[in-house]
Amino acid sequence: MYGHTEANIEQTWRTVETVWSETASSEVARAFLLAYRVMGIIIEEQGNNGFLSHGTPHCNVRRDYIDTPTGIRRKHADMFL
């Protein structure tokens, strides 16, 4: 964004503020949920990343959750993470 030079603190902070103001709460919540589910796969595989040879894991966050003004909620109350 700034060529081949390191961005100074003011440039960095402006970018952070822009991203923060344009990112919906639901996007942040979905990112945390996706990380949680991927970590579960890694734990199940005991740290082996062979599952990646089949492509990126689809953890069904979009299928299981809907956006709300303050984040996300489960589509079905009886579902678990």
Protein backbone atom coordinates (compact mmCIF):
# COMPACT_ATOMS: atom_id res chain seq x y z
CA MET A 1 0.00 0.00 0.00
CA TYR A 2 2.87 2.34 0.77
CA GLY A 3 5.35 1.04 -1.80
CA HIS A 4 8.52 -0.56 -0.59
CA THR A 5 8.78 1.47 2.59
CA GLU A 6 7.66 0.59 6.07
CA ALA A 7 4.44 2.35 7.11
CA ASN A 8 4.85 4.71 10.03
CA ILE A 9 2.68 4.48 13.12
CA GLU A 10 0.17 7.09 11.89
CA GLN A 11 -0.35 5.27 8.58
CA THR A 12 -0.67 1.96 10.38
CA TRP A 13 -3.18 3.35 12.88
CA ARG A 14 -5.31 4.95 10.11
CA THR A 15 -5.45 1.59 8.34
CA VAL A 16 -6.39 -0.21 11.56
CA GLU A 17 -9.18 2.30 12.25
CA THR A 18 -10.50 1.94 8.69
CA VAL A 19 -10.57 -1.85 8.86
CA TRP A 20 -12.11 -1.80 12.35
CA SER A 21 -14.88 0.61 11.34
CA GLU A 22 -15.71 -1.37 8.19
CA THR A 23 -15.71 -4.83 9.78
CA ALA A 24 -19.05 -6.12 11.01
CA SER A 25 -19.34 -7.79 14.41
CA SER A 26 -20.61 -10.89 12.65
CA GLU A 27 -17.40 -11.14 10.59
CA VAL A 28 -15.29 -11.04 13.74
CA ALA A 29 -17.49 -13.63 15.46
CA ARG A 30 -17.38 -15.93 12.42
CA ALA A 31 -13.58 -15.68 12.27
CA PHE A 32 -13.29 -16.75 15.93
CA LEU A 33 -15.75 -19.61 15.43
CA LEU A 34 -13.93 -20.80 12.32
CA ALA A 35 -10.59 -20.74 14.18
CA TYR A 36 -12.18 -22.75 17.01
CA ARG A 37 -13.51 -25.38 14.62
CA VAL A 38 -10.25 -25.66 12.67
CA MET A 39 -8.39 -26.05 15.95
CA GLY A 40 -10.77 -28.92 16.78
CA ILE A 41 -9.80 -30.65 13.54
CA ILE A 42 -6.10 -30.17 14.30
CA ILE A 43 -6.58 -31.64 17.78
CA GLU A 44 -8.53 -34.62 16.35
CA GLU A 45 -5.67 -35.21 13.90
CA GLN A 46 -3.14 -34.92 16.76
CA GLY A 47 -1.36 -32.07 15.01
CA ASN A 48 -1.11 -33.83 11.65
CA ASN A 49 -2.01 -31.49 8.81
CA GLY A 50 -2.73 -34.24 6.29
CA PHE A 51 -6.37 -33.14 6.19
CA LEU A 52 -5.19 -30.11 4.20
CA SER A 53 -4.34 -32.38 1.26
CA HIS A 54 -8.09 -32.62 0.63
CA GLY A 55 -8.46 -28.83 0.35
CA THR A 56 -9.46 -26.18 2.81
CA PRO A 57 -11.71 -27.56 5.54
CA HIS A 58 -15.28 -26.32 5.37
CA CYS A 59 -16.44 -26.00 8.93
CA ASN A 60 -20.03 -25.01 8.06
CA VAL A 61 -20.02 -21.73 9.97
CA ARG A 62 -22.25 -20.12 7.32
CA ARG A 63 -24.63 -23.08 7.41
CA ASP A 64 -24.88 -23.17 11.21
CA TYR A 65 -25.02 -19.46 12.12
CA ILE A 66 -26.82 -16.33 11.00
CA ASP A 67 -25.72 -12.71 11.34
CA THR A 68 -27.19 -10.41 13.97
CA PRO A 69 -26.47 -6.72 14.60
CA THR A 70 -24.14 -7.68 17.47
CA GLY A 71 -22.52 -10.84 16.09
CA ILE A 72 -23.95 -14.21 15.15
CA ARG A 73 -26.36 -16.77 16.58
CA ARG A 74 -27.09 -20.41 15.90
CA LYS A 75 -29.72 -21.06 13.26
CA HIS A 76 -31.04 -23.97 15.32
CA ALA A 77 -31.08 -23.78 19.11
CA ASP A 78 -30.25 -27.48 19.49
CA MET A 79 -26.94 -27.28 17.60
CA PHE A 80 -23.57 -27.37 19.33
CA LEU A 81 -20.16 -26.06 18.27
